Structure formats: C-alpha cells, structure tokens
C-alpha atoms as a PDB file:
ATOM      1  CA  MET A   1     152.812 153.038 152.754  1.00  0.00           C
ATOM      2  CA  ASN A   2     149.777 151.479 154.371  1.00  0.00           C
ATOM      3  CA  LEU A   3     148.631 152.214 157.901  1.00  0.00           C
ATOM      4  CA  ALA A   4     146.408 150.018 160.086  1.00  0.00           C
ATOM      5  CA  LYS A   5     144.748 150.767 163.423  1.00  0.00           C
ATOM      6  CA  ILE A   6     144.517 148.292 166.301  1.00  0.00           C
ATOM      7  CA  SER A   7     141.106 148.138 167.985  1.00  0.00           C
ATOM      8  CA  SER A   8     140.658 148.130 171.725  1.00  0.00           C
ATOM      9  CA  ASN A   9     140.462 144.304 171.656  1.00  0.00           C
ATOM     10  CA  GLY A  10     143.621 143.893 169.590  1.00  0.00           C
ATOM     11  CA  GLN A  11     142.116 143.423 166.128  1.00  0.00           C
ATOM     12  CA  ILE A  12     143.755 144.885 163.046  1.00  0.00           C
ATOM     13  CA  THR A  13     142.077 145.784 159.762  1.00  0.00           C
ATOM     14  CA  VAL A  14     144.584 144.955 157.035  1.00  0.00           C
ATOM     15  CA  PRO A  15     144.486 147.581 154.255  1.00  0.00           C
ATOM     16  CA  ILE A  16     143.063 146.345 150.940  1.00  0.00           C
ATOM     17  CA  GLU A  17     146.352 146.897 149.068  1.00  0.00           C
ATOM     18  CA  VAL A  18     148.188 144.636 151.555  1.00  0.00           C
ATOM     19  CA  ARG A  19     145.446 141.994 151.397  1.00  0.00           C
ATOM     20  CA  ARG A  20     145.688 141.943 147.613  1.00  0.00           C
ATOM     21  CA  GLU A  21     149.482 141.748 147.593  1.00  0.00           C
ATOM     22  CA  LEU A  22     149.517 138.889 150.121  1.00  0.00           C
ATOM     23  CA  GLY A  23     146.553 137.134 148.530  1.00  0.00           C
ATOM     24  CA  LEU A  24     144.560 137.317 151.785  1.00  0.00           C
ATOM     25  CA  LYS A  25     140.882 136.569 151.946  1.00  0.00           C
ATOM     26  CA  SER A  26     138.342 136.331 154.761  1.00  0.00           C
ATOM     27  CA  GLY A  27     139.264 133.558 157.213  1.00  0.00           C
ATOM     28  CA  ASP A  28     142.946 133.367 156.238  1.00  0.00           C
ATOM     29  CA  LYS A  29     145.596 133.382 158.937  1.00  0.00           C
ATOM     30  CA  ILE A  30     148.577 135.661 158.900  1.00  0.00           C
ATOM     31  CA  LEU A  31     151.931 134.888 160.441  1.00  0.00           C
ATOM     32  CA  PHE A  32     154.217 137.468 162.055  1.00  0.00           C
ATOM     33  CA  ILE A  33     157.924 136.574 162.085  1.00  0.00           C
ATOM     34  CA  ARG A  34     160.860 138.683 163.333  1.00  0.00           C
ATOM     35  CA  ASN A  35     163.679 138.630 160.781  1.00  0.00           C
ATOM     36  CA  LYS A  36     167.410 138.776 161.566  1.00  0.00           C
ATOM     37  CA  SER A  37     167.448 142.579 161.451  1.00  0.00           C
ATOM     38  CA  GLY A  38     164.668 142.758 164.070  1.00  0.00           C
ATOM     39  CA  GLU A  39     161.847 143.777 161.726  1.00  0.00           C
ATOM     40  CA  MET A  40     158.455 142.094 161.919  1.00  0.00           C
ATOM     41  CA  VAL A  41     157.448 140.461 158.617  1.00  0.00           C
ATOM     42  CA  VAL A  42     153.875 139.465 157.767  1.00  0.00           C
ATOM     43  CA  PHE A  43     153.105 136.309 155.743  1.00  0.00           C
ATOM     44  CA  ASN A  44     149.931 134.709 154.467  1.00  0.00           C
ATOM     45  CA  ALA A  45     150.165 131.565 156.599  1.00  0.00           C
ATOM     46  CA  SER A  46     147.618 129.715 154.453  1.00  0.00           C
ATOM     47  CA  ILE A  47     149.587 130.215 151.257  1.00  0.00           C
ATOM     48  CA  ASP A  48     152.898 129.418 152.966  1.00  0.00           C
ATOM     49  CA  ALA A  49     151.495 126.119 154.321  1.00  0.00           C
ATOM     50  CA  ILE A  50     150.323 125.136 150.811  1.00  0.00           C
ATOM     51  CA  LYS A  51     153.730 126.021 149.315  1.00  0.00           C
ATOM     52  CA  GLU A  52     155.531 123.958 151.981  1.00  0.00           C
ATOM     53  CA  ALA A  53     153.271 120.993 151.391  1.00  0.00           C
ATOM     54  CA  TRP A  54     153.696 121.287 147.632  1.00  0.00           C
ATOM     55  CA  ALA A  55     157.512 121.377 148.005  1.00  0.00           C
ATOM     56  CA  ALA A  56     157.415 118.328 150.347  1.00  0.00           C
ATOM     57  CA  PHE A  57     155.451 116.256 147.814  1.00  0.00           C
ATOM     58  CA  THR A  58     157.310 117.439 144.709  1.00  0.00           C
ATOM     59  CA  GLY A  59     158.745 114.398 142.941  1.00  0.00           C
ATOM     60  CA  VAL A  60     156.969 111.830 145.205  1.00  0.00           C
ATOM     61  CA  ALA A  61     154.643 110.570 142.464  1.00  0.00           C
ATOM     62  CA  GLU A  62     157.526 110.153 140.028  1.00  0.00           C
ATOM     63  CA  ALA A  63     159.458 108.111 142.626  1.00  0.00           C
ATOM     64  CA  LEU A  64     156.620 105.554 143.009  1.00  0.00           C
END
C-alpha cells in the first residue's frame, strides 16, 4: 500500500512505486476516473492517449 499527502495547494507527490508501475515521468498527466463501483482509478493519461491513437491507426497503412 502506498500513501500520498496532499499539500496545502492541492499538490500530490505520487510514491515512486506507483510512478514506476504506471510508467509516469516528470511532466506526465494523470487521469482520475470513477469506476462503476464508485472507486477512483488513476491512469497515466499520456500512455492512454498514445494507446488510443495507436489503436485508431492500426491497419490504416495496410488499407491504403
């Protein structure tokens, strides 16, 4: 279990273990989404955007 503290101006320091697991680096954006059971889930928004773009273009070159 990893614990983070929120500063007085709302900033969070993400623990190193979490940064490693999510592949986060300085300047990345993280996305908070509430799932169907009401829990907040954290995603690496940069990686997710790349994966979505990759999926959208998969097969396009072959179709040309």
